[in-house]
N, C-alpha and C. Protein backbone atom coordinates (compact mmCIF):
# COMPACT_ATOMS: atom_id res chain seq x y z
N MET A 1 -1.55 -0.46 -25.10
CA MET A 1 -3.05 -0.05 -24.84
C MET A 1 -3.55 -0.61 -23.58
N LEU A 2 -2.95 -1.62 -22.97
CA LEU A 2 -3.27 -2.08 -21.85
C LEU A 2 -3.22 -0.90 -20.55
N HIS A 3 -2.20 -0.20 -20.85
CA HIS A 3 -1.93 0.65 -19.84
C HIS A 3 -2.99 1.71 -19.69
N LYS A 4 -3.75 2.27 -20.95
CA LYS A 4 -4.71 2.96 -20.98
C LYS A 4 -5.99 2.47 -19.89
N GLN A 5 -6.22 1.37 -20.11
CA GLN A 5 -7.54 0.28 -19.54
C GLN A 5 -7.12 0.70 -18.13
N GLU A 6 -6.02 -0.05 -17.67
CA GLU A 6 -5.42 0.12 -16.16
C GLU A 6 -5.71 1.82 -15.72
N LEU A 7 -5.27 2.53 -16.49
CA LEU A 7 -5.31 4.07 -15.76
C LEU A 7 -6.72 4.41 -15.57
N SER A 8 -7.75 3.91 -16.44
CA SER A 8 -9.13 4.28 -16.41
C SER A 8 -9.60 4.11 -14.73
N GLU A 9 -8.99 3.08 -14.17
CA GLU A 9 -9.30 3.00 -12.77
C GLU A 9 -8.62 3.73 -11.79
N VAL A 10 -7.46 4.58 -12.35
CA VAL A 10 -6.93 5.52 -11.30
C VAL A 10 -6.63 6.73 -12.30
N SER A 11 -7.39 7.74 -11.90
CA SER A 11 -7.72 8.80 -12.66
C SER A 11 -7.22 10.25 -12.14
N ARG A 12 -6.66 10.22 -11.12
CA ARG A 12 -6.20 11.62 -10.60
C ARG A 12 -4.68 11.66 -10.83
N ASP A 13 -4.08 13.02 -10.68
CA ASP A 13 -2.53 12.86 -10.87
C ASP A 13 -1.86 12.16 -9.94
N ARG A 14 -1.99 12.19 -9.00
CA ARG A 14 -1.44 11.61 -7.81
C ARG A 14 -1.53 9.98 -7.88
N ALA A 15 -2.71 9.56 -8.39
CA ALA A 15 -2.88 8.08 -8.61
C ALA A 15 -2.10 7.68 -9.86
N VAL A 16 -1.96 8.34 -10.85
CA VAL A 16 -1.26 8.14 -12.08
C VAL A 16 0.08 8.08 -11.70
N GLU A 17 0.65 9.08 -10.97
CA GLU A 17 2.01 8.76 -10.45
C GLU A 17 2.33 7.52 -9.76
N CYS A 18 1.39 7.09 -8.96
CA CYS A 18 1.37 5.96 -8.42
C CYS A 18 1.62 4.80 -9.12
N TYR A 19 0.45 4.65 -10.18
CA TYR A 19 0.51 3.80 -11.13
C TYR A 19 1.94 3.58 -11.68
N PHE A 20 2.33 4.62 -12.28
CA PHE A 20 3.64 4.80 -13.00
C PHE A 20 4.77 4.15 -12.01
N TRP A 21 4.63 4.41 -10.74
CA TRP A 21 5.72 3.84 -9.82
C TRP A 21 5.86 2.10 -9.77
N THR A 22 4.59 1.81 -10.12
CA THR A 22 4.15 0.05 -10.27
C THR A 22 4.86 -0.56 -11.25
N MET A 23 5.01 0.54 -12.35
CA MET A 23 5.33 -0.07 -13.66
C MET A 23 7.01 -0.42 -13.53
N GLY A 24 7.63 0.02 -12.55
CA GLY A 24 8.85 -0.22 -12.25
C GLY A 24 9.00 -1.39 -11.62
N VAL A 25 8.16 -1.95 -10.98
CA VAL A 25 8.05 -3.20 -9.98
C VAL A 25 7.46 -4.28 -11.00
N TYR A 26 6.34 -4.08 -11.69
CA TYR A 26 5.86 -4.96 -12.15
C TYR A 26 5.72 -4.60 -13.73
N ALA A 27 6.81 -4.81 -14.56
CA ALA A 27 6.80 -3.84 -15.91
C ALA A 27 6.03 -4.96 -16.99
N GLU A 28 5.86 -6.47 -16.67
CA GLU A 28 5.18 -7.29 -17.61
C GLU A 28 3.71 -6.82 -17.98
N PRO A 29 2.87 -6.89 -18.83
CA PRO A 29 1.70 -6.80 -19.09
C PRO A 29 0.78 -7.85 -18.29
N GLN A 30 1.21 -8.97 -18.08
CA GLN A 30 0.35 -10.19 -17.37
C GLN A 30 0.32 -9.52 -16.14
N TYR A 31 0.90 -8.65 -15.49
CA TYR A 31 1.00 -8.09 -13.90
C TYR A 31 -0.05 -6.91 -14.04
N SER A 32 -1.22 -6.74 -14.93
CA SER A 32 -2.33 -5.80 -15.09
C SER A 32 -2.74 -5.69 -13.95
N GLN A 33 -3.40 -6.17 -13.13
CA GLN A 33 -4.09 -6.21 -11.87
C GLN A 33 -3.22 -6.22 -10.66
N ALA A 34 -1.94 -6.64 -10.64
CA ALA A 34 -0.83 -5.87 -9.56
C ALA A 34 -0.63 -4.59 -10.06
N HIS A 35 -0.38 -4.16 -10.93
CA HIS A 35 -0.15 -2.78 -11.20
C HIS A 35 -1.52 -1.88 -10.51
N VAL A 36 -2.50 -2.19 -10.76
CA VAL A 36 -3.66 -1.41 -10.09
C VAL A 36 -3.91 -1.28 -8.60
N MET A 37 -3.71 -2.84 -7.89
CA MET A 37 -3.57 -2.82 -6.60
C MET A 37 -2.57 -2.22 -5.80
N LEU A 38 -1.34 -2.48 -6.46
CA LEU A 38 -0.13 -1.61 -5.92
C LEU A 38 -0.33 -0.07 -5.95
N ALA A 39 -0.86 0.45 -6.92
CA ALA A 39 -1.11 1.97 -7.14
C ALA A 39 -2.00 2.24 -5.94
N LYS A 40 -3.08 1.56 -6.11
CA LYS A 40 -3.96 2.01 -4.97
C LYS A 40 -3.70 1.98 -3.62
N THR A 41 -2.87 1.03 -3.24
CA THR A 41 -2.00 0.84 -2.05
C THR A 41 -1.09 2.10 -1.95
N ILE A 42 -0.17 2.18 -2.58
CA ILE A 42 0.67 3.49 -2.77
C ILE A 42 -0.12 4.60 -2.56
N ALA A 43 -1.19 4.94 -3.42
CA ALA A 43 -2.29 6.15 -3.18
C ALA A 43 -2.78 6.20 -1.85
N MET A 44 -3.23 5.35 -1.06
CA MET A 44 -3.86 5.11 0.45
C MET A 44 -2.62 5.63 1.20
N ILE A 45 -1.57 4.87 1.14
CA ILE A 45 -0.21 5.23 2.15
C ILE A 45 0.01 6.75 1.76
N SER A 46 -0.05 7.32 0.58
CA SER A 46 0.39 8.32 0.29
C SER A 46 -0.75 9.58 1.19
N ILE A 47 -1.98 9.27 1.09
CA ILE A 47 -2.98 10.03 1.59
C ILE A 47 -2.83 10.05 3.11
N VAL A 48 -2.85 8.92 3.66
CA VAL A 48 -2.56 8.84 5.12
C VAL A 48 -1.28 9.79 5.66
N ASP A 49 -0.16 9.54 4.96
CA ASP A 49 1.25 10.24 5.11
C ASP A 49 0.77 11.80 5.10
N ASP A 50 0.37 12.37 3.95
CA ASP A 50 0.11 13.62 3.76
C ASP A 50 -0.96 14.16 4.97
N THR A 51 -1.83 13.27 5.22
CA THR A 51 -2.71 13.98 6.54
C THR A 51 -2.12 13.88 7.54
N PHE A 52 -1.15 13.05 7.98
CA PHE A 52 -0.47 12.92 9.22
C PHE A 52 0.51 13.97 9.11
N ASP A 53 1.26 14.46 8.45
CA ASP A 53 2.00 15.65 8.18
C ASP A 53 1.22 16.79 8.42
N ALA A 54 0.18 17.18 7.57
CA ALA A 54 -0.43 18.43 7.76
C ALA A 54 -1.43 18.90 8.51
N TYR A 55 -2.15 17.56 9.26
CA TYR A 55 -2.94 17.80 10.35
C TYR A 55 -2.92 17.19 11.66
N GLY A 56 -1.71 16.46 11.77
CA GLY A 56 -1.75 15.97 13.24
C GLY A 56 -1.11 16.91 14.14
N ILE A 57 -1.52 16.53 15.28
CA ILE A 57 -1.28 17.09 16.56
C ILE A 57 -0.53 16.20 17.03
N VAL A 58 0.53 16.50 18.00
CA VAL A 58 1.69 15.65 18.43
C VAL A 58 0.93 14.63 19.24
N LYS A 59 0.19 14.81 20.17
CA LYS A 59 -0.19 13.84 21.07
C LYS A 59 -1.00 12.64 20.39
N GLU A 60 -1.88 13.09 19.32
CA GLU A 60 -2.66 12.20 18.18
C GLU A 60 -1.59 11.53 17.45
N LEU A 61 -0.74 12.19 16.93
CA LEU A 61 0.20 11.36 15.92
C LEU A 61 1.00 10.31 17.00
N GLU A 62 1.30 10.72 18.12
CA GLU A 62 1.98 9.47 19.12
C GLU A 62 1.00 8.22 18.95
N PHE A 63 -0.13 8.54 19.49
CA PHE A 63 -1.12 7.46 19.30
C PHE A 63 -1.19 6.54 18.01
N TYR A 64 -1.27 7.54 17.27
CA TYR A 64 -1.42 6.75 15.81
C TYR A 64 -0.01 6.01 15.62
N THR A 65 0.97 6.52 15.75
CA THR A 65 2.11 5.84 15.48
C THR A 65 2.17 4.64 16.25
N ASP A 66 1.93 4.76 17.52
CA ASP A 66 1.92 3.33 18.42
C ASP A 66 0.97 2.36 17.95
N ALA A 67 -0.31 2.75 17.47
CA ALA A 67 -1.18 1.90 16.92
C ALA A 67 -0.68 1.04 15.51
N ILE A 68 -0.04 1.75 14.79
CA ILE A 68 0.60 1.25 13.51
C ILE A 68 1.70 0.44 13.99
N GLN A 69 2.63 0.70 14.83
CA GLN A 69 3.54 -0.29 15.23
C GLN A 69 3.22 -1.60 16.03
N ARG A 70 1.80 -1.42 16.67
CA ARG A 70 1.50 -2.59 17.23
C ARG A 70 0.78 -3.42 16.37
N TYR A 71 -0.02 -2.88 15.18
CA TYR A 71 -0.36 -3.69 14.13
C TYR A 71 0.55 -4.36 13.44
N GLY A 72 1.63 -3.98 13.09
CA GLY A 72 2.90 -4.37 12.41
C GLY A 72 3.46 -5.57 13.36
N LEU A 73 3.49 -5.34 14.52
CA LEU A 73 4.06 -6.59 15.56
C LEU A 73 2.91 -7.54 15.32
N LEU A 74 1.51 -7.43 15.29
CA LEU A 74 0.42 -8.31 15.16
C LEU A 74 0.79 -9.06 13.82
N LEU A 75 0.76 -8.41 12.62
CA LEU A 75 1.08 -9.04 11.60
C LEU A 75 2.20 -10.09 11.65
N GLU A 76 3.51 -9.47 12.18
CA GLU A 76 4.64 -10.22 12.30
C GLU A 76 4.15 -11.52 13.02
N GLN A 77 3.52 -11.50 14.25
CA GLN A 77 3.27 -12.68 14.92
C GLN A 77 2.44 -13.45 14.07
N PHE A 78 1.54 -13.13 13.32
CA PHE A 78 0.53 -13.94 12.53
C PHE A 78 1.33 -14.58 11.44
N ASN A 79 2.35 -13.99 10.83
CA ASN A 79 2.90 -14.38 9.62
C ASN A 79 4.17 -15.45 10.27
N LEU A 80 4.65 -15.43 11.63
CA LEU A 80 5.43 -16.33 12.15
C LEU A 80 4.61 -17.52 12.36
N SER A 81 3.40 -17.50 13.03
CA SER A 81 2.60 -18.65 13.57
C SER A 81 2.04 -19.27 12.35
N ARG A 82 1.70 -18.61 11.03
CA ARG A 82 1.43 -19.29 10.07
C ARG A 82 2.64 -20.16 9.39
N SER A 83 3.84 -19.52 9.26
CA SER A 83 4.92 -20.26 8.85
C SER A 83 5.44 -21.34 9.70
N SER A 84 4.98 -21.48 10.85
CA SER A 84 5.24 -22.73 11.88
C SER A 84 4.14 -23.64 11.75
N ASN A 85 3.38 -23.54 11.35
CA ASN A 85 2.06 -24.30 11.23
C ASN A 85 2.49 -25.58 9.91
N LYS A 86 2.47 -26.63 10.30
CA LYS A 86 2.91 -27.78 9.46
C LYS A 86 1.96 -27.79 7.98
N TRP A 87 0.64 -27.39 8.22
CA TRP A 87 0.17 -27.39 6.84
C TRP A 87 0.13 -26.12 6.09
N HIS A 88 0.73 -25.23 6.36
CA HIS A 88 1.27 -24.21 5.70
C HIS A 88 2.35 -24.29 4.93
N LYS A 89 3.19 -25.52 5.10
CA LYS A 89 4.56 -25.60 4.60
C LYS A 89 4.40 -26.13 3.08
C-alpha cells in the first residue's frame, strides 16, 4: 500500500517507470522518501537527455557538454576539499 502513496507523487508513465527503477535500488519500505527523490532525479535526467537528443544543435550541445563536465569537476574538487577537512572526518 505504501507504493500507492508514493506513486501519487509521480503520476506520469515515464515517472512511474523511473519510480519502479528505484525499487531495485531501495527495496525496503523504510526508504520511501528515497524512492521518490531518486525517481524524480532519474526523470529530470531523462528529460534533459531526451531534449539533448531531439533538439540540440551541435554547437550548442558542445557548450552544454563542456558546462556539465566543468560542473562535474567542480563537484569533485568540492568533495575532495571536504574529505581533507579535519572537521568532516
